[in-house]
Amino acid sequence: MAENNPKKFEDEMADLEGIVSQIDSGELSLEESISAFERGVALVRSLNQKLDEVERRVEVLIRDSRGDLKRSPYQGDFARDSGDQNKDDDESF
């Protein structure tokens, strides 16, 4: 497969889930299971690379004006709607 058009994260995740199901079914021969496992390992590596890239992009977005990383707990939709966010909960990394 050409790297010019990489698969979406969700597509690779679906492929990985399919491979896991095939292996779990017990219907594959030993050689087929090993081949499926190798494809699964390659997918896991690709998925981890994509997650690492997203993490780097998010990190850039959450730096404060001094360039320090800020961490605040996920508040979910409820807290955002209720205005319950507390600025004092922000922590520097």
Protein backbone atom coordinates (compact mmCIF):
# COMPACT_ATOMS: atom_id res chain seq x y z
CA MET A 1 0.00 0.00 0.00
CA ALA A 2 1.34 3.44 -0.92
CA GLU A 3 2.13 5.84 1.89
CA ASN A 4 0.79 8.77 -0.17
CA ASN A 5 -2.72 8.00 1.01
CA PRO A 6 -2.45 6.56 4.55
CA LYS A 7 -5.48 4.91 6.09
CA LYS A 8 -7.52 6.74 8.67
CA PHE A 9 -7.04 5.83 12.32
CA GLU A 10 -10.60 4.47 12.52
CA ASP A 11 -10.08 2.28 9.45
CA GLU A 12 -6.89 0.79 10.86
CA MET A 13 -8.60 0.23 14.20
CA ALA A 14 -11.44 -1.62 12.46
CA ASP A 15 -8.88 -3.73 10.58
CA LEU A 16 -7.14 -4.57 13.85
CA GLU A 17 -10.43 -5.54 15.49
CA GLY A 18 -11.17 -7.81 12.53
CA ILE A 19 -7.79 -9.49 12.88
CA VAL A 20 -8.32 -10.02 16.60
CA SER A 21 -11.72 -11.58 15.90
CA GLN A 22 -10.21 -13.92 13.30
CA ILE A 23 -7.48 -15.05 15.67
CA ASP A 24 -9.92 -15.43 18.57
CA SER A 25 -12.28 -17.54 16.46
CA GLY A 26 -9.74 -20.36 16.38
CA GLU A 27 -10.62 -21.08 12.77
CA LEU A 28 -7.25 -20.00 11.34
CA SER A 29 -4.40 -22.41 10.82
CA LEU A 30 -1.19 -21.80 12.71
CA GLU A 31 0.43 -20.16 9.68
CA GLU A 32 -2.63 -17.99 9.07
CA SER A 33 -2.69 -17.00 12.73
CA ILE A 34 0.98 -15.99 12.64
CA SER A 35 0.42 -13.97 9.47
CA ALA A 36 -2.63 -12.28 11.01
CA PHE A 37 -0.65 -11.57 14.18
CA GLU A 38 2.13 -9.94 12.12
CA ARG A 39 -0.43 -7.74 10.35
CA GLY A 40 -1.90 -6.86 13.74
CA VAL A 41 1.49 -5.88 15.14
CA ALA A 42 2.10 -3.64 12.11
CA LEU A 43 -1.31 -2.02 12.63
CA VAL A 44 -0.61 -1.44 16.34
CA ARG A 45 2.66 0.28 15.44
CA SER A 46 0.94 2.46 12.87
CA LEU A 47 -1.85 3.34 15.30
CA ASN A 48 0.68 4.24 18.00
CA GLN A 49 2.52 6.51 15.58
CA LYS A 50 -0.73 8.26 14.74
CA LEU A 51 -1.58 8.70 18.43
CA ASP A 52 1.91 10.08 19.12
CA GLU A 53 1.47 12.62 16.33
CA VAL A 54 -1.92 13.70 17.67
CA GLU A 55 -0.44 14.05 21.16
CA ARG A 56 2.28 16.35 19.79
CA ARG A 57 -0.30 18.45 17.97
CA VAL A 58 -2.48 18.74 21.09
CA GLU A 59 0.56 19.67 23.19
CA VAL A 60 1.21 22.64 20.92
CA LEU A 61 -2.39 23.73 21.32
CA ILE A 62 -2.37 23.65 25.14
CA ARG A 63 0.80 25.63 25.85
CA ASP A 64 0.18 28.86 27.74
CA SER A 65 1.57 32.26 26.77
CA ARG A 66 4.91 31.48 28.47
CA GLY A 67 5.23 28.21 26.58
CA ASP A 68 4.53 26.08 29.66
CA LEU A 69 2.31 23.06 29.26
CA LYS A 70 -0.92 23.31 31.20
CA ARG A 71 -2.90 20.32 32.37
CA SER A 72 -6.46 20.51 33.52
CA PRO A 73 -8.77 17.61 34.23
CA TYR A 74 -11.28 16.67 31.57
CA GLN A 75 -14.58 18.21 32.56
CA GLY A 76 -16.84 16.62 29.97
CA ASP A 77 -19.99 18.18 28.57
CA PHE A 78 -21.71 18.52 31.96
CA ALA A 79 -19.12 20.84 33.49
CA ARG A 80 -18.86 22.91 30.34
CA ASP A 81 -22.64 23.38 30.28
CA SER A 82 -22.92 24.15 33.99
CA GLY A 83 -20.03 26.64 34.07
CA ASP A 84 -18.40 24.59 36.84
CA GLN A 85 -14.85 24.84 35.53
CA ASN A 86 -12.30 25.96 38.09
CA LYS A 87 -9.24 27.75 36.71
CA ASP A 88 -7.31 26.88 39.91
CA ASP A 89 -7.27 23.22 38.84
CA ASP A 90 -4.81 23.95 36.03
CA GLU A 91 -1.41 22.42 36.70
CA SER A 92 1.88 22.94 34.91
CA PHE A 93 3.55 19.80 33.59
